[in-house]
Amino acid sequence: MIKKIGLVAFLISTGFVAGCQSTSASDETAKKDGYRCEQVRSLGSSIPKKRCSTKEQRRQDRVNAQEQLRESQITLSGGGAG
C-alpha cells in the first residue's frame, strides 16, 4: 500500500515537473517569435478584448493598413483608373 502511494506521488510530481518545463519552452518560443498580447477596445464597446499576435503578424497588419490607406487616397483624389 505504501509503495503504491509512493509510486502515485512520484508520477504526480513528475507530471508537474514536465508541465513546468513545457511552459518554459513555450515561453522561449513566444519570445523568439515576438509574441505579444494586448487589451484592445473595439469601437462602440468599453469591454476590452485580449488580442495576441506574433511580430510577423503585426508587421503584416501594418503593411495591409498602409496599402489600404494608399488605395483610399488614390480613390478620393480621383487618380484611380475607371
Foldseek 3Di string as FASTA:
>chain_A
DVVVVVVVVVVVVVVVVVVVVVVVVVVVVCVVQQKDWDWDADPPGPHTDIDIDGPVVVVVVVVVVVVVVVVVVCVVVVVDDD
